[in-house]
Amino acid sequence: MSRELNGLIRSLRIELGILNDRIAETVGLNARDLDILDVIDRDGPCTPKYLASRTGVRAATLTGMLSRLEADRWITRSRDSEDGRSAQLSSTARFTELHAGYAAADEQVRKLAASLDPAMREAIAAFLAEVGDVARMASDDLSLRSRENRS
């Protein structure tokens, strides 16, 4: 059963990647931009350092991405009230374009979730949260090993 679940998770990753690619193309973004915008959308205003830690995008790459996203009016920058040297990044009204792109899939997922009994929904939510944690830990471990190999 574990092998089946791993296969299904990998298939889901691919299908979500395809959906993200199509949505990015529709609104004139690069697929990786969606990671940046999704973090801002879900977590709220944040710093570039926070975005780098949540997305794995290197600071130098992130700087260029943020400049482009700001120029295209996807985000705004303001001075971080806690650290005047850093920027606070926020979403703009353009995020409605992304929400519209995901609306059909989101609605289908809502219907699917509504068809499940509450205990099943809770179990699935807990499982998916754990899968996310496992992926994050594996990513952090690979990043640490990569840094150790470079030193």
N, C-alpha and C. Protein backbone atom coordinates (compact mmCIF):
# COMPACT_ATOMS: atom_id res chain seq x y z
N MET A 1 0.82 -1.20 0.00
CA MET A 1 0.00 0.00 0.00
C MET A 1 0.87 1.27 0.00
N SER A 2 1.99 1.25 0.70
CA SER A 2 2.87 2.41 0.75
C SER A 2 3.37 2.77 -0.65
N ARG A 3 3.72 1.75 -1.43
CA ARG A 3 4.19 2.01 -2.80
C ARG A 3 3.08 2.66 -3.63
N GLU A 4 1.83 2.19 -3.45
CA GLU A 4 0.71 2.78 -4.16
C GLU A 4 0.53 4.24 -3.78
N LEU A 5 0.59 4.52 -2.47
CA LEU A 5 0.44 5.91 -2.02
C LEU A 5 1.54 6.80 -2.57
N ASN A 6 2.77 6.32 -2.54
CA ASN A 6 3.87 7.10 -3.10
C ASN A 6 3.65 7.38 -4.58
N GLY A 7 3.18 6.39 -5.29
CA GLY A 7 2.89 6.58 -6.72
C GLY A 7 1.79 7.59 -6.94
N LEU A 8 0.75 7.54 -6.11
CA LEU A 8 -0.34 8.50 -6.23
C LEU A 8 0.11 9.92 -5.88
N ILE A 9 0.96 10.04 -4.89
CA ILE A 9 1.48 11.36 -4.53
C ILE A 9 2.32 11.92 -5.67
N ARG A 10 3.14 11.06 -6.27
CA ARG A 10 3.96 11.52 -7.40
C ARG A 10 3.07 11.92 -8.58
N SER A 11 2.01 11.15 -8.84
CA SER A 11 1.08 11.51 -9.91
C SER A 11 0.40 12.84 -9.62
N LEU A 12 0.00 13.04 -8.37
CA LEU A 12 -0.62 14.30 -7.98
C LEU A 12 0.34 15.46 -8.20
N ARG A 13 1.61 15.27 -7.85
CA ARG A 13 2.62 16.31 -8.06
C ARG A 13 2.68 16.69 -9.53
N ILE A 14 2.67 15.69 -10.40
CA ILE A 14 2.74 15.95 -11.84
C ILE A 14 1.49 16.69 -12.32
N GLU A 15 0.32 16.22 -11.91
CA GLU A 15 -0.93 16.86 -12.34
C GLU A 15 -1.02 18.30 -11.85
N LEU A 16 -0.63 18.53 -10.60
CA LEU A 16 -0.63 19.90 -10.08
C LEU A 16 0.40 20.76 -10.80
N GLY A 17 1.53 20.17 -11.15
CA GLY A 17 2.54 20.90 -11.92
C GLY A 17 2.01 21.33 -13.28
N ILE A 18 1.29 20.44 -13.93
CA ILE A 18 0.70 20.76 -15.24
C ILE A 18 -0.33 21.88 -15.08
N LEU A 19 -1.19 21.76 -14.07
CA LEU A 19 -2.19 22.80 -13.82
C LEU A 19 -1.51 24.14 -13.56
N ASN A 20 -0.49 24.14 -12.72
CA ASN A 20 0.24 25.38 -12.43
C ASN A 20 0.88 25.97 -13.68
N ASP A 21 1.48 25.11 -14.50
CA ASP A 21 2.08 25.58 -15.75
C ASP A 21 1.05 26.26 -16.63
N ARG A 22 -0.13 25.66 -16.75
CA ARG A 22 -1.18 26.22 -17.61
C ARG A 22 -1.69 27.55 -17.07
N ILE A 23 -1.88 27.61 -15.76
CA ILE A 23 -2.35 28.85 -15.16
C ILE A 23 -1.30 29.94 -15.31
N ALA A 24 -0.04 29.61 -15.05
CA ALA A 24 1.04 30.59 -15.20
C ALA A 24 1.07 31.12 -16.63
N GLU A 25 0.96 30.23 -17.59
CA GLU A 25 0.98 30.64 -18.99
C GLU A 25 -0.20 31.56 -19.31
N THR A 26 -1.36 31.24 -18.77
CA THR A 26 -2.57 32.02 -19.02
C THR A 26 -2.44 33.46 -18.54
N VAL A 27 -1.77 33.65 -17.39
CA VAL A 27 -1.66 35.01 -16.82
C VAL A 27 -0.30 35.66 -17.10
N GLY A 28 0.54 34.99 -17.90
CA GLY A 28 1.81 35.58 -18.30
C GLY A 28 2.91 35.50 -17.26
N LEU A 29 2.91 34.45 -16.46
CA LEU A 29 3.93 34.25 -15.45
C LEU A 29 4.79 33.05 -15.78
N ASN A 30 5.92 32.96 -15.11
CA ASN A 30 6.72 31.73 -15.13
C ASN A 30 6.14 30.81 -14.06
N ALA A 31 6.23 29.52 -14.28
CA ALA A 31 5.64 28.57 -13.35
C ALA A 31 6.19 28.75 -11.93
N ARG A 32 7.47 29.03 -11.79
CA ARG A 32 8.07 29.18 -10.46
C ARG A 32 7.55 30.42 -9.74
N ASP A 33 7.08 31.42 -10.52
CA ASP A 33 6.48 32.61 -9.91
C ASP A 33 5.29 32.25 -9.03
N LEU A 34 4.56 31.20 -9.42
CA LEU A 34 3.38 30.82 -8.66
C LEU A 34 3.73 30.41 -7.24
N ASP A 35 4.90 29.81 -7.04
CA ASP A 35 5.32 29.45 -5.68
C ASP A 35 5.44 30.70 -4.82
N ILE A 36 6.08 31.71 -5.38
CA ILE A 36 6.27 32.97 -4.67
C ILE A 36 4.91 33.59 -4.34
N LEU A 37 4.07 33.69 -5.34
CA LEU A 37 2.77 34.32 -5.16
C LEU A 37 1.87 33.51 -4.24
N ASP A 38 1.97 32.19 -4.29
CA ASP A 38 1.15 31.35 -3.42
C ASP A 38 1.51 31.55 -1.95
N VAL A 39 2.80 31.65 -1.66
CA VAL A 39 3.21 31.88 -0.28
C VAL A 39 2.67 33.22 0.21
N ILE A 40 2.79 34.26 -0.60
CA ILE A 40 2.28 35.58 -0.21
C ILE A 40 0.76 35.52 -0.03
N ASP A 41 0.08 34.80 -0.90
CA ASP A 41 -1.37 34.69 -0.84
C ASP A 41 -1.82 33.94 0.42
N ARG A 42 -1.16 32.83 0.72
CA ARG A 42 -1.58 32.00 1.86
C ARG A 42 -1.08 32.53 3.19
N ASP A 43 0.17 33.02 3.23
CA ASP A 43 0.77 33.41 4.50
C ASP A 43 0.66 34.91 4.79
N GLY A 44 0.29 35.68 3.78
CA GLY A 44 0.16 37.12 3.97
C GLY A 44 1.47 37.84 3.71
N PRO A 45 1.48 39.13 3.93
CA PRO A 45 2.69 39.92 3.68
C PRO A 45 3.90 39.30 4.38
N CYS A 46 5.04 39.32 3.68
CA CYS A 46 6.24 38.67 4.22
C CYS A 46 7.49 39.31 3.62
N THR A 47 8.62 38.91 4.14
CA THR A 47 9.90 39.44 3.68
C THR A 47 10.49 38.54 2.60
N PRO A 48 11.43 39.06 1.82
CA PRO A 48 12.11 38.20 0.85
C PRO A 48 12.81 37.01 1.53
N LYS A 49 13.38 37.24 2.70
CA LYS A 49 14.05 36.15 3.42
C LYS A 49 13.06 35.02 3.74
N TYR A 50 11.87 35.39 4.17
CA TYR A 50 10.84 34.39 4.45
C TYR A 50 10.46 33.64 3.18
N LEU A 51 10.28 34.38 2.08
CA LEU A 51 9.93 33.73 0.81
C LEU A 51 11.02 32.75 0.38
N ALA A 52 12.26 33.14 0.53
CA ALA A 52 13.37 32.25 0.15
C ALA A 52 13.33 30.97 0.98
N SER A 53 13.04 31.11 2.27
CA SER A 53 13.01 29.92 3.13
C SER A 53 11.83 29.02 2.81
N ARG A 54 10.69 29.60 2.42
CA ARG A 54 9.49 28.80 2.13
C ARG A 54 9.49 28.19 0.73
N THR A 55 10.24 28.79 -0.20
CA THR A 55 10.19 28.31 -1.59
C THR A 55 11.46 27.62 -2.05
N GLY A 56 12.55 27.85 -1.33
CA GLY A 56 13.83 27.28 -1.76
C GLY A 56 14.49 28.04 -2.88
N VAL A 57 13.94 29.18 -3.24
CA VAL A 57 14.54 30.01 -4.30
C VAL A 57 15.70 30.77 -3.69
N ARG A 58 16.84 30.72 -4.34
CA ARG A 58 18.03 31.42 -3.84
C ARG A 58 17.82 32.93 -3.88
N ALA A 59 18.45 33.61 -2.92
CA ALA A 59 18.25 35.06 -2.76
C ALA A 59 18.54 35.83 -4.05
N ALA A 60 19.61 35.50 -4.74
CA ALA A 60 19.97 36.22 -5.97
C ALA A 60 18.89 36.04 -7.05
N THR A 61 18.38 34.84 -7.17
CA THR A 61 17.31 34.57 -8.13
C THR A 61 16.03 35.26 -7.72
N LEU A 62 15.74 35.20 -6.42
CA LEU A 62 14.53 35.80 -5.89
C LEU A 62 14.48 37.30 -6.14
N THR A 63 15.60 37.97 -6.03
CA THR A 63 15.66 39.42 -6.25
C THR A 63 15.14 39.78 -7.63
N GLY A 64 15.60 39.07 -8.65
CA GLY A 64 15.13 39.33 -10.01
C GLY A 64 13.66 38.99 -10.19
N MET A 65 13.23 37.89 -9.59
CA MET A 65 11.83 37.49 -9.70
C MET A 65 10.92 38.54 -9.06
N LEU A 66 11.31 39.02 -7.88
CA LEU A 66 10.49 40.01 -7.18
C LEU A 66 10.43 41.33 -7.95
N SER A 67 11.53 41.72 -8.56
CA SER A 67 11.54 42.95 -9.36
C SER A 67 10.57 42.83 -10.53
N ARG A 68 10.58 41.68 -11.18
CA ARG A 68 9.67 41.46 -12.31
C ARG A 68 8.22 41.41 -11.84
N LEU A 69 7.95 40.70 -10.73
CA LEU A 69 6.58 40.61 -10.22
C LEU A 69 6.06 41.97 -9.77
N GLU A 70 6.94 42.79 -9.23
CA GLU A 70 6.54 44.14 -8.82
C GLU A 70 6.27 44.99 -10.07
N ALA A 71 7.13 44.91 -11.07
CA ALA A 71 6.94 45.68 -12.30
C ALA A 71 5.64 45.30 -13.00
N ASP A 72 5.27 44.02 -12.90
CA ASP A 72 4.03 43.54 -13.52
C ASP A 72 2.81 43.69 -12.60
N ARG A 73 3.01 44.35 -11.47
CA ARG A 73 1.95 44.68 -10.51
C ARG A 73 1.30 43.46 -9.84
N TRP A 74 2.08 42.39 -9.65
CA TRP A 74 1.58 41.24 -8.89
C TRP A 74 1.79 41.45 -7.39
N ILE A 75 2.85 42.17 -7.04
CA ILE A 75 3.17 42.43 -5.64
C ILE A 75 3.53 43.89 -5.44
N THR A 76 3.48 44.32 -4.20
CA THR A 76 3.99 45.63 -3.82
C THR A 76 5.05 45.42 -2.75
N ARG A 77 5.99 46.35 -2.70
CA ARG A 77 7.02 46.33 -1.66
C ARG A 77 6.85 47.56 -0.79
N SER A 78 7.01 47.35 0.50
CA SER A 78 7.04 48.48 1.42
C SER A 78 8.13 48.18 2.44
N ARG A 79 8.55 49.17 3.14
CA ARG A 79 9.60 48.99 4.14
C ARG A 79 9.05 48.15 5.28
N ASP A 80 9.80 47.15 5.70
CA ASP A 80 9.42 46.29 6.82
C ASP A 80 9.48 47.12 8.10
N SER A 81 8.36 47.18 8.82
CA SER A 81 8.31 48.01 10.02
C SER A 81 9.23 47.50 11.13
N GLU A 82 9.52 46.20 11.13
CA GLU A 82 10.40 45.63 12.15
C GLU A 82 11.88 45.75 11.78
N ASP A 83 12.17 45.75 10.49
CA ASP A 83 13.55 45.85 10.02
C ASP A 83 13.57 46.76 8.80
N GLY A 84 13.89 48.02 9.03
CA GLY A 84 13.86 49.01 7.96
C GLY A 84 14.75 48.70 6.78
N ARG A 85 15.69 47.76 6.94
CA ARG A 85 16.57 47.39 5.82
C ARG A 85 15.91 46.39 4.89
N SER A 86 14.81 45.80 5.32
CA SER A 86 14.16 44.75 4.54
C SER A 86 12.82 45.26 3.99
N ALA A 87 12.34 44.56 2.99
CA ALA A 87 11.06 44.90 2.37
C ALA A 87 9.97 43.96 2.89
N GLN A 88 8.77 44.48 2.90
CA GLN A 88 7.58 43.69 3.19
C GLN A 88 6.86 43.54 1.86
N LEU A 89 6.59 42.32 1.45
CA LEU A 89 5.96 42.04 0.15
C LEU A 89 4.50 41.70 0.37
N SER A 90 3.64 42.30 -0.42
CA SER A 90 2.20 42.09 -0.30
C SER A 90 1.59 41.80 -1.66
N SER A 91 0.44 41.16 -1.63
CA SER A 91 -0.28 40.86 -2.87
C SER A 91 -1.02 42.11 -3.35
N THR A 92 -1.43 42.07 -4.60
CA THR A 92 -2.21 43.16 -5.19
C THR A 92 -3.53 42.59 -5.71
N ALA A 93 -4.34 43.44 -6.28
CA ALA A 93 -5.63 43.02 -6.84
C ALA A 93 -5.46 42.02 -7.97
N ARG A 94 -4.27 41.96 -8.56
CA ARG A 94 -4.04 41.01 -9.67
C ARG A 94 -4.19 39.55 -9.21
N PHE A 95 -4.13 39.31 -7.91
CA PHE A 95 -4.26 37.93 -7.42
C PHE A 95 -5.61 37.34 -7.79
N THR A 96 -6.61 38.19 -8.05
CA THR A 96 -7.90 37.66 -8.48
C THR A 96 -7.77 36.89 -9.80
N GLU A 97 -6.78 37.25 -10.62
CA GLU A 97 -6.54 36.52 -11.87
C GLU A 97 -6.11 35.09 -11.57
N LEU A 98 -5.27 34.93 -10.55
CA LEU A 98 -4.84 33.58 -10.16
C LEU A 98 -6.00 32.80 -9.56
N HIS A 99 -6.74 33.45 -8.68
CA HIS A 99 -7.88 32.77 -8.06
C HIS A 99 -8.87 32.30 -9.13
N ALA A 100 -9.08 33.11 -10.14
CA ALA A 100 -9.99 32.73 -11.23
C ALA A 100 -9.44 31.52 -11.98
N GLY A 101 -8.14 31.47 -12.17
CA GLY A 101 -7.54 30.34 -12.87
C GLY A 101 -7.71 29.03 -12.13
N TYR A 102 -7.68 29.09 -10.82
CA TYR A 102 -7.81 27.88 -10.00
C TYR A 102 -9.26 27.57 -9.62
N ALA A 103 -10.19 28.46 -9.93
CA ALA A 103 -11.57 28.35 -9.44
C ALA A 103 -12.23 27.02 -9.79
N ALA A 104 -12.11 26.57 -11.03
CA ALA A 104 -12.79 25.33 -11.42
C ALA A 104 -12.24 24.13 -10.65
N ALA A 105 -10.92 24.04 -10.56
CA ALA A 105 -10.32 22.92 -9.82
C ALA A 105 -10.65 23.03 -8.34
N ASP A 106 -10.60 24.24 -7.78
CA ASP A 106 -10.94 24.43 -6.37
C ASP A 106 -12.37 23.99 -6.07
N GLU A 107 -13.28 24.33 -6.96
CA GLU A 107 -14.68 23.95 -6.77
C GLU A 107 -14.85 22.43 -6.80
N GLN A 108 -14.16 21.77 -7.72
CA GLN A 108 -14.25 20.30 -7.79
C GLN A 108 -13.69 19.66 -6.52
N VAL A 109 -12.60 20.21 -6.00
CA VAL A 109 -12.02 19.68 -4.76
C VAL A 109 -12.98 19.92 -3.60
N ARG A 110 -13.63 21.10 -3.56
CA ARG A 110 -14.61 21.37 -2.50
C ARG A 110 -15.75 20.36 -2.54
N LYS A 111 -16.24 20.06 -3.74
CA LYS A 111 -17.33 19.09 -3.88
C LYS A 111 -16.87 17.71 -3.44
N LEU A 112 -15.67 17.33 -3.83
CA LEU A 112 -15.13 16.03 -3.44
C LEU A 112 -15.00 15.95 -1.92
N ALA A 113 -14.47 17.00 -1.31
CA ALA A 113 -14.31 17.03 0.15
C ALA A 113 -15.67 16.98 0.85
N ALA A 114 -16.65 17.67 0.30
CA ALA A 114 -17.98 17.68 0.91
C ALA A 114 -18.64 16.30 0.86
N SER A 115 -18.22 15.47 -0.08
CA SER A 115 -18.81 14.14 -0.20
C SER A 115 -18.23 13.16 0.83
N LEU A 116 -17.18 13.57 1.53
CA LEU A 116 -16.54 12.71 2.52
C LEU A 116 -17.13 12.98 3.90
N ASP A 117 -17.12 11.97 4.75
CA ASP A 117 -17.56 12.23 6.12
C ASP A 117 -16.47 13.02 6.85
N PRO A 118 -16.83 13.78 7.87
CA PRO A 118 -15.86 14.65 8.55
C PRO A 118 -14.61 13.92 9.05
N ALA A 119 -14.74 12.72 9.56
CA ALA A 119 -13.57 11.98 10.05
C ALA A 119 -12.61 11.67 8.91
N MET A 120 -13.14 11.33 7.75
CA MET A 120 -12.31 11.05 6.57
C MET A 120 -11.59 12.31 6.11
N ARG A 121 -12.32 13.44 6.07
CA ARG A 121 -11.69 14.71 5.69
C ARG A 121 -10.56 15.06 6.64
N GLU A 122 -10.79 14.89 7.93
CA GLU A 122 -9.75 15.18 8.92
C GLU A 122 -8.54 14.27 8.74
N ALA A 123 -8.79 12.98 8.48
CA ALA A 123 -7.70 12.03 8.28
C ALA A 123 -6.89 12.39 7.04
N ILE A 124 -7.57 12.74 5.97
CA ILE A 124 -6.87 13.12 4.73
C ILE A 124 -6.08 14.40 4.94
N ALA A 125 -6.68 15.38 5.61
CA ALA A 125 -5.98 16.64 5.87
C ALA A 125 -4.73 16.39 6.72
N ALA A 126 -4.85 15.56 7.73
CA ALA A 126 -3.70 15.25 8.59
C ALA A 126 -2.62 14.53 7.79
N PHE A 127 -3.02 13.58 6.94
CA PHE A 127 -2.06 12.84 6.12
C PHE A 127 -1.33 13.79 5.17
N LEU A 128 -2.06 14.66 4.50
CA LEU A 128 -1.43 15.58 3.56
C LEU A 128 -0.49 16.55 4.27
N ALA A 129 -0.87 16.99 5.46
CA ALA A 129 0.02 17.85 6.24
C ALA A 129 1.31 17.11 6.59
N GLU A 130 1.20 15.86 6.96
CA GLU A 130 2.39 15.05 7.28
C GLU A 130 3.25 14.82 6.04
N VAL A 131 2.63 14.58 4.90
CA VAL A 131 3.39 14.41 3.66
C VAL A 131 4.15 15.69 3.35
N GLY A 132 3.51 16.83 3.55
CA GLY A 132 4.19 18.11 3.35
C GLY A 132 5.37 18.26 4.30
N ASP A 133 5.19 17.86 5.55
CA ASP A 133 6.29 17.93 6.53
C ASP A 133 7.45 17.02 6.12
N VAL A 134 7.13 15.82 5.66
CA VAL A 134 8.17 14.88 5.23
C VAL A 134 8.94 15.46 4.05
N ALA A 135 8.22 16.04 3.09
CA ALA A 135 8.87 16.63 1.93
C ALA A 135 9.77 17.79 2.34
N ARG A 136 9.28 18.61 3.27
CA ARG A 136 10.08 19.75 3.75
C ARG A 136 11.35 19.26 4.44
N MET A 137 11.23 18.24 5.29
CA MET A 137 12.41 17.72 5.98
C MET A 137 13.41 17.12 5.00
N ALA A 138 12.91 16.40 3.99
CA ALA A 138 13.80 15.81 2.99
C ALA A 138 14.51 16.91 2.20
N SER A 139 13.77 17.96 1.87
CA SER A 139 14.35 19.10 1.14
C SER A 139 15.42 19.78 1.99
N ASP A 140 15.11 20.01 3.25
CA ASP A 140 16.08 20.65 4.15
C ASP A 140 17.34 19.80 4.28
N ASP A 141 17.16 18.49 4.37
CA ASP A 141 18.31 17.58 4.48
C ASP A 141 19.17 17.63 3.23
N LEU A 142 18.53 17.61 2.05
CA LEU A 142 19.29 17.71 0.80
C LEU A 142 20.03 19.03 0.70
N SER A 143 19.39 20.10 1.12
CA SER A 143 20.02 21.41 1.08
C SER A 143 21.24 21.45 2.00
N LEU A 144 21.11 20.89 3.18
CA LEU A 144 22.22 20.85 4.13
C LEU A 144 23.39 20.03 3.55
N ARG A 145 23.08 18.86 2.99
CA ARG A 145 24.14 18.04 2.39
C ARG A 145 24.80 18.73 1.23
N SER A 146 24.03 19.45 0.43
CA SER A 146 24.60 20.18 -0.70
C SER A 146 25.57 21.27 -0.23
N ARG A 147 25.19 21.98 0.82
CA ARG A 147 26.07 23.02 1.38
C ARG A 147 27.34 22.40 1.95
N GLU A 148 27.20 21.24 2.62
CA GLU A 148 28.37 20.56 3.19
C GLU A 148 29.31 20.10 2.09
N ASN A 149 28.77 19.63 0.98
CA ASN A 149 29.61 19.17 -0.14
C ASN A 149 30.35 20.33 -0.80
N ARG A 150 29.76 21.53 -0.78
CA ARG A 150 30.42 22.68 -1.37
C ARG A 150 31.54 23.23 -0.48
N SER A 151 31.46 22.96 0.83
CA SER A 151 32.49 23.51 1.72
C SER A 151 33.70 22.64 1.81
